[in-house]
């Protein structure tokens, strides 16, 4: 069914471990004082990295971990709905992979930034959009005012995801290429320490 290489399994484990760490310690879910919105998040970043580095399946799995922690630690009714807690999060890595795969032949850094932005915005737009359209009784989960109030948080999360994605993807691709040290220009005597 799925044919994973050893590298893909290891990268999946590392990304999954980072997501578990961020979720279990709550470092990935930062409380914000805006009513109805919940937490600012860093947990979308492992899903973006999983999608960009190893493809949609790894990104989907990291997104599932994010969704599980969001559902388990739900402080507002919006995230107690499994559709809101899981669907946008499952799509983060898939969208990041699609963007990265389509742009990487032109420029790796641009593709990384675009994947980070697209993955983060998939999460934010998905959650806020579902919050506007899904009902809780006669009203939606989120009033429009809460969505507008959360826009600065959405922008900060997207910028952070773009920065982290370009740095990590560049580093991983550099290590994969074997060019991990500066060129050696001096003699053996000069390089000893």
C-alpha atoms as a PDB file:
ATOM      1  CA  UNK A   1       0.000   0.000   0.000  1.00  0.00           C
ATOM      2  CA  UNK A   2       2.537   2.621   1.143  1.00  0.00           C
ATOM      3  CA  UNK A   3       6.202   2.076   0.402  1.00  0.00           C
ATOM      4  CA  UNK A   4       8.197   4.202   2.835  1.00  0.00           C
ATOM      5  CA  UNK A   5      11.965   4.456   2.730  1.00  0.00           C
ATOM      6  CA  UNK A   6      13.976   4.368   5.933  1.00  0.00           C
ATOM      7  CA  UNK A   7      14.623   8.095   5.603  1.00  0.00           C
ATOM      8  CA  UNK A   8      10.895   8.831   5.298  1.00  0.00           C
ATOM      9  CA  UNK A   9      10.139   6.747   8.381  1.00  0.00           C
ATOM     10  CA  UNK A  10      12.862   8.517  10.382  1.00  0.00           C
ATOM     11  CA  UNK A  11      11.760  11.991   9.252  1.00  0.00           C
ATOM     12  CA  UNK A  12       8.147  11.042  10.048  1.00  0.00           C
ATOM     13  CA  UNK A  13       9.194   9.966  13.527  1.00  0.00           C
ATOM     14  CA  UNK A  14      11.133  13.167  14.135  1.00  0.00           C
ATOM     15  CA  UNK A  15       8.313  15.391  12.894  1.00  0.00           C
ATOM     16  CA  UNK A  16       5.754  13.358  14.833  1.00  0.00           C
ATOM     17  CA  UNK A  17       7.926  13.606  17.944  1.00  0.00           C
ATOM     18  CA  UNK A  18       8.200  17.389  17.599  1.00  0.00           C
ATOM     19  CA  UNK A  19       4.422  17.637  17.169  1.00  0.00           C
ATOM     20  CA  UNK A  20       3.849  15.405  20.208  1.00  0.00           C
ATOM     21  CA  UNK A  21       6.295  17.479  22.264  1.00  0.00           C
ATOM     22  CA  UNK A  22       4.667  20.771  21.256  1.00  0.00           C
ATOM     23  CA  UNK A  23       1.220  19.382  21.991  1.00  0.00           C
ATOM     24  CA  UNK A  24       1.960  17.534  25.236  1.00  0.00           C
ATOM     25  CA  UNK A  25       3.848  20.463  26.769  1.00  0.00           C
ATOM     26  CA  UNK A  26       1.317  22.963  25.393  1.00  0.00           C
ATOM     27  CA  UNK A  27       4.200  24.981  23.944  1.00  0.00           C
ATOM     28  CA  UNK A  28       2.481  24.592  20.583  1.00  0.00           C
ATOM     29  CA  UNK A  29      -0.861  25.947  21.820  1.00  0.00           C
ATOM     30  CA  UNK A  30      -0.311  29.433  23.184  1.00  0.00           C
ATOM     31  CA  UNK A  31      -3.332  30.990  24.960  1.00  0.00           C
ATOM     32  CA  UNK A  32      -4.479  34.357  23.627  1.00  0.00           C
ATOM     33  CA  UNK A  33      -6.920  36.716  25.342  1.00  0.00           C
ATOM     34  CA  UNK A  34      -9.340  36.933  22.402  1.00  0.00           C
ATOM     35  CA  UNK A  35     -12.736  35.395  23.263  1.00  0.00           C
ATOM     36  CA  UNK A  36     -13.970  32.504  21.069  1.00  0.00           C
ATOM     37  CA  UNK A  37     -10.658  32.082  19.228  1.00  0.00           C
ATOM     38  CA  UNK A  38      -8.764  29.620  21.407  1.00  0.00           C
ATOM     39  CA  UNK A  39      -4.987  29.468  21.163  1.00  0.00           C
ATOM     40  CA  UNK A  40      -2.287  30.752  18.861  1.00  0.00           C
ATOM     41  CA  UNK A  41      -0.471  27.755  17.501  1.00  0.00           C
ATOM     42  CA  UNK A  42       2.943  26.492  16.553  1.00  0.00           C
ATOM     43  CA  UNK A  43       1.630  22.960  16.006  1.00  0.00           C
ATOM     44  CA  UNK A  44       0.926  23.627  12.347  1.00  0.00           C
ATOM     45  CA  UNK A  45       4.657  23.962  11.624  1.00  0.00           C
ATOM     46  CA  UNK A  46       5.481  20.207  11.911  1.00  0.00           C
ATOM     47  CA  UNK A  47       2.607  19.460   9.514  1.00  0.00           C
ATOM     48  CA  UNK A  48       3.947  22.026   7.025  1.00  0.00           C
ATOM     49  CA  UNK A  49       7.476  20.617   7.323  1.00  0.00           C
ATOM     50  CA  UNK A  50       6.219  17.051   6.960  1.00  0.00           C
ATOM     51  CA  UNK A  51       4.375  17.938   3.782  1.00  0.00           C
ATOM     52  CA  UNK A  52       7.218  19.968   2.280  1.00  0.00           C
ATOM     53  CA  UNK A  53      10.007  17.523   3.151  1.00  0.00           C
ATOM     54  CA  UNK A  54       8.387  14.105   2.812  1.00  0.00           C
ATOM     55  CA  UNK A  55       5.068  14.460   1.050  1.00  0.00           C
ATOM     56  CA  UNK A  56       1.364  14.475   1.776  1.00  0.00           C
ATOM     57  CA  UNK A  57       1.174  11.338   3.929  1.00  0.00           C
ATOM     58  CA  UNK A  58       3.741  12.567   6.464  1.00  0.00           C
ATOM     59  CA  UNK A  59       2.117  16.016   6.482  1.00  0.00           C
ATOM     60  CA  UNK A  60      -1.287  14.428   6.992  1.00  0.00           C
ATOM     61  CA  UNK A  61      -0.034  12.364   9.932  1.00  0.00           C
ATOM     62  CA  UNK A  62       1.540  15.412  11.602  1.00  0.00           C
ATOM     63  CA  UNK A  63      -1.698  17.305  11.001  1.00  0.00           C
ATOM     64  CA  UNK A  64      -3.621  14.475  12.666  1.00  0.00           C
ATOM     65  CA  UNK A  65      -1.447  14.860  15.772  1.00  0.00           C
ATOM     66  CA  UNK A  66      -2.172  18.602  15.739  1.00  0.00           C
ATOM     67  CA  UNK A  67      -5.900  17.939  15.385  1.00  0.00           C
ATOM     68  CA  UNK A  68      -5.863  15.437  18.251  1.00  0.00           C
ATOM     69  CA  UNK A  69      -4.205  17.891  20.633  1.00  0.00           C
ATOM     70  CA  UNK A  70      -6.516  20.677  19.512  1.00  0.00           C
ATOM     71  CA  UNK A  71      -9.512  18.444  20.218  1.00  0.00           C
ATOM     72  CA  UNK A  72      -8.163  17.159  23.546  1.00  0.00           C
ATOM     73  CA  UNK A  73      -7.254  20.600  24.881  1.00  0.00           C
ATOM     74  CA  UNK A  74     -10.327  22.401  23.491  1.00  0.00           C
ATOM     75  CA  UNK A  75     -11.114  25.420  25.639  1.00  0.00           C
ATOM     76  CA  UNK A  76     -13.813  26.825  23.377  1.00  0.00           C
ATOM     77  CA  UNK A  77     -16.798  25.039  21.782  1.00  0.00           C
ATOM     78  CA  UNK A  78     -15.350  25.601  18.307  1.00  0.00           C
ATOM     79  CA  UNK A  79     -12.592  23.011  18.830  1.00  0.00           C
ATOM     80  CA  UNK A  80     -14.854  20.469  20.537  1.00  0.00           C
ATOM     81  CA  UNK A  81     -16.317  19.839  17.099  1.00  0.00           C
ATOM     82  CA  UNK A  82     -14.206  17.088  15.472  1.00  0.00           C
ATOM     83  CA  UNK A  83     -14.795  18.557  12.009  1.00  0.00           C
ATOM     84  CA  UNK A  84     -13.209  21.854  13.044  1.00  0.00           C
ATOM     85  CA  UNK A  85     -10.481  20.198  15.121  1.00  0.00           C
ATOM     86  CA  UNK A  86      -9.360  17.700  12.468  1.00  0.00           C
ATOM     87  CA  UNK A  87     -10.303  18.579   8.862  1.00  0.00           C
ATOM     88  CA  UNK A  88      -8.288  21.813   8.426  1.00  0.00           C
ATOM     89  CA  UNK A  89      -5.341  20.263  10.293  1.00  0.00           C
ATOM     90  CA  UNK A  90      -5.300  17.171   8.077  1.00  0.00           C
ATOM     91  CA  UNK A  91      -5.103  19.427   5.024  1.00  0.00           C
ATOM     92  CA  UNK A  92      -2.131  21.524   6.230  1.00  0.00           C
ATOM     93  CA  UNK A  93       0.578  19.085   5.128  1.00  0.00           C
ATOM     94  CA  UNK A  94      -1.232  18.117   1.933  1.00  0.00           C
ATOM     95  CA  UNK A  95      -1.549  21.739   0.811  1.00  0.00           C
ATOM     96  CA  UNK A  96       2.044  22.503   1.852  1.00  0.00           C
ATOM     97  CA  UNK A  97       3.243  19.517  -0.205  1.00  0.00           C
ATOM     98  CA  UNK A  98       1.221  20.579  -3.265  1.00  0.00           C
ATOM     99  CA  UNK A  99       2.600  24.124  -3.134  1.00  0.00           C
ATOM    100  CA  UNK A 100       6.186  23.042  -2.432  1.00  0.00           C
ATOM    101  CA  UNK A 101       6.166  20.333  -5.118  1.00  0.00           C
ATOM    102  CA  UNK A 102       4.781  22.699  -7.745  1.00  0.00           C
ATOM    103  CA  UNK A 103       7.247  25.540  -7.017  1.00  0.00           C
ATOM    104  CA  UNK A 104      10.472  23.769  -6.060  1.00  0.00           C
ATOM    105  CA  UNK A 105      11.838  23.539  -9.615  1.00  0.00           C
ATOM    106  CA  UNK A 106      12.005  27.359  -9.794  1.00  0.00           C
ATOM    107  CA  UNK A 107      13.425  28.190  -6.379  1.00  0.00           C
ATOM    108  CA  UNK A 108      13.635  26.085  -3.211  1.00  0.00           C
ATOM    109  CA  UNK A 109      13.507  29.069  -0.851  1.00  0.00           C
ATOM    110  CA  UNK A 110      10.475  30.577  -2.569  1.00  0.00           C
ATOM    111  CA  UNK A 111       8.773  27.172  -2.586  1.00  0.00           C
ATOM    112  CA  UNK A 112       9.494  26.792   1.139  1.00  0.00           C
ATOM    113  CA  UNK A 113       8.108  30.221   2.009  1.00  0.00           C
ATOM    114  CA  UNK A 114       5.029  29.610  -0.134  1.00  0.00           C
ATOM    115  CA  UNK A 115       4.488  26.170   1.443  1.00  0.00           C
ATOM    116  CA  UNK A 116       4.766  27.658   4.940  1.00  0.00           C
ATOM    117  CA  UNK A 117       2.305  30.422   4.125  1.00  0.00           C
ATOM    118  CA  UNK A 118      -0.112  28.088   2.334  1.00  0.00           C
ATOM    119  CA  UNK A 119      -0.060  25.476   5.100  1.00  0.00           C
ATOM    120  CA  UNK A 120      -0.579  28.044   7.830  1.00  0.00           C
ATOM    121  CA  UNK A 121      -3.351  29.811   5.942  1.00  0.00           C
ATOM    122  CA  UNK A 122      -5.020  26.455   5.230  1.00  0.00           C
ATOM    123  CA  UNK A 123      -5.247  25.932   8.967  1.00  0.00           C
ATOM    124  CA  UNK A 124      -6.400  29.457   9.794  1.00  0.00           C
ATOM    125  CA  UNK A 125      -8.870  29.888   6.953  1.00  0.00           C
ATOM    126  CA  UNK A 126     -10.209  26.371   7.455  1.00  0.00           C
ATOM    127  CA  UNK A 127     -10.780  26.786  11.189  1.00  0.00           C
ATOM    128  CA  UNK A 128     -12.163  30.322  11.005  1.00  0.00           C
ATOM    129  CA  UNK A 129     -14.276  29.522   7.951  1.00  0.00           C
ATOM    130  CA  UNK A 130     -15.786  26.447   9.568  1.00  0.00           C
ATOM    131  CA  UNK A 131     -16.344  28.493  12.715  1.00  0.00           C
ATOM    132  CA  UNK A 132     -18.384  30.966  10.692  1.00  0.00           C
ATOM    133  CA  UNK A 133     -20.529  28.419   8.854  1.00  0.00           C
ATOM    134  CA  UNK A 134     -21.040  25.582  11.351  1.00  0.00           C
ATOM    135  CA  UNK A 135     -23.864  26.203  13.794  1.00  0.00           C
ATOM    136  CA  UNK A 136     -23.939  25.790  17.546  1.00  0.00           C
ATOM    137  CA  UNK A 137     -27.625  26.058  18.213  1.00  0.00           C
ATOM    138  CA  UNK A 138     -29.156  28.890  16.189  1.00  0.00           C
ATOM    139  CA  UNK A 139     -25.833  30.733  15.724  1.00  0.00           C
ATOM    140  CA  UNK A 140     -22.407  30.013  14.271  1.00  0.00           C
ATOM    141  CA  UNK A 141     -19.489  29.058  16.519  1.00  0.00           C
ATOM    142  CA  UNK A 142     -17.717  32.321  15.817  1.00  0.00           C
ATOM    143  CA  UNK A 143     -19.087  35.809  15.428  1.00  0.00           C
ATOM    144  CA  UNK A 144     -17.556  37.824  12.615  1.00  0.00           C
ATOM    145  CA  UNK A 145     -15.963  40.138  15.190  1.00  0.00           C
ATOM    146  CA  UNK A 146     -13.912  37.240  16.589  1.00  0.00           C
ATOM    147  CA  UNK A 147     -12.636  36.390  13.106  1.00  0.00           C
ATOM    148  CA  UNK A 148     -11.591  39.996  12.511  1.00  0.00           C
ATOM    149  CA  UNK A 149      -9.934  40.146  15.948  1.00  0.00           C
ATOM    150  CA  UNK A 150      -7.916  37.009  15.171  1.00  0.00           C
ATOM    151  CA  UNK A 151      -6.420  38.353  11.908  1.00  0.00           C
ATOM    152  CA  UNK A 152      -3.193  39.630  13.542  1.00  0.00           C
ATOM    153  CA  UNK A 153      -2.700  36.167  15.040  1.00  0.00           C
ATOM    154  CA  UNK A 154      -3.283  34.577  11.618  1.00  0.00           C
ATOM    155  CA  UNK A 155      -0.679  36.848  10.020  1.00  0.00           C
ATOM    156  CA  UNK A 156       1.913  36.189  12.740  1.00  0.00           C
ATOM    157  CA  UNK A 157       1.389  32.408  12.508  1.00  0.00           C
ATOM    158  CA  UNK A 158       1.764  32.513   8.708  1.00  0.00           C
ATOM    159  CA  UNK A 159       4.966  34.585   8.825  1.00  0.00           C
ATOM    160  CA  UNK A 160       6.443  32.346  11.517  1.00  0.00           C
ATOM    161  CA  UNK A 161       5.591  29.227   9.501  1.00  0.00           C
ATOM    162  CA  UNK A 162       7.210  30.713   6.385  1.00  0.00           C
ATOM    163  CA  UNK A 163      10.428  31.604   8.224  1.00  0.00           C
ATOM    164  CA  UNK A 164      10.764  28.267  10.011  1.00  0.00           C
ATOM    165  CA  UNK A 165       9.908  26.315   6.856  1.00  0.00           C
ATOM    166  CA  UNK A 166      12.532  28.011   4.688  1.00  0.00           C
ATOM    167  CA  UNK A 167      15.236  27.580   7.347  1.00  0.00           C
ATOM    168  CA  UNK A 168      14.481  23.918   8.087  1.00  0.00           C
ATOM    169  CA  UNK A 169      13.927  22.871   4.455  1.00  0.00           C
ATOM    170  CA  UNK A 170      17.145  24.612   3.371  1.00  0.00           C
ATOM    171  CA  UNK A 171      19.045  22.888   6.199  1.00  0.00           C
ATOM    172  CA  UNK A 172      17.609  19.435   5.488  1.00  0.00           C
ATOM    173  CA  UNK A 173      18.287  19.722   1.757  1.00  0.00           C
ATOM    174  CA  UNK A 174      21.832  20.909   2.488  1.00  0.00           C
ATOM    175  CA  UNK A 175      22.471  17.889   4.707  1.00  0.00           C
ATOM    176  CA  UNK A 176      20.951  15.544   2.110  1.00  0.00           C
ATOM    177  CA  UNK A 177      23.261  16.966  -0.545  1.00  0.00           C
ATOM    178  CA  UNK A 178      26.347  16.177   1.546  1.00  0.00           C
ATOM    179  CA  UNK A 179      27.544  19.799   1.610  1.00  0.00           C
ATOM    180  CA  UNK A 180      27.495  20.197   5.372  1.00  0.00           C
ATOM    181  CA  UNK A 181      30.845  21.921   5.952  1.00  0.00           C
ATOM    182  CA  UNK A 182      32.637  24.934   4.585  1.00  0.00           C
ATOM    183  CA  UNK A 183      35.225  24.277   1.944  1.00  0.00           C
ATOM    184  CA  UNK A 184      38.650  23.470   3.302  1.00  0.00           C
ATOM    185  CA  UNK A 185      41.189  25.925   1.975  1.00  0.00           C
ATOM    186  CA  UNK A 186      44.095  25.711   4.385  1.00  0.00           C
ATOM    187  CA  UNK A 187      46.697  23.003   4.863  1.00  0.00           C
ATOM    188  CA  UNK A 188      46.298  20.177   7.382  1.00  0.00           C
ATOM    189  CA  UNK A 189      48.573  22.026   9.814  1.00  0.00           C
ATOM    190  CA  UNK A 190      46.411  25.143   9.707  1.00  0.00           C
ATOM    191  CA  UNK A 191      43.205  23.178  10.325  1.00  0.00           C
ATOM    192  CA  UNK A 192      44.365  21.348  13.447  1.00  0.00           C
ATOM    193  CA  UNK A 193      43.068  22.491  16.776  1.00  0.00           C
END
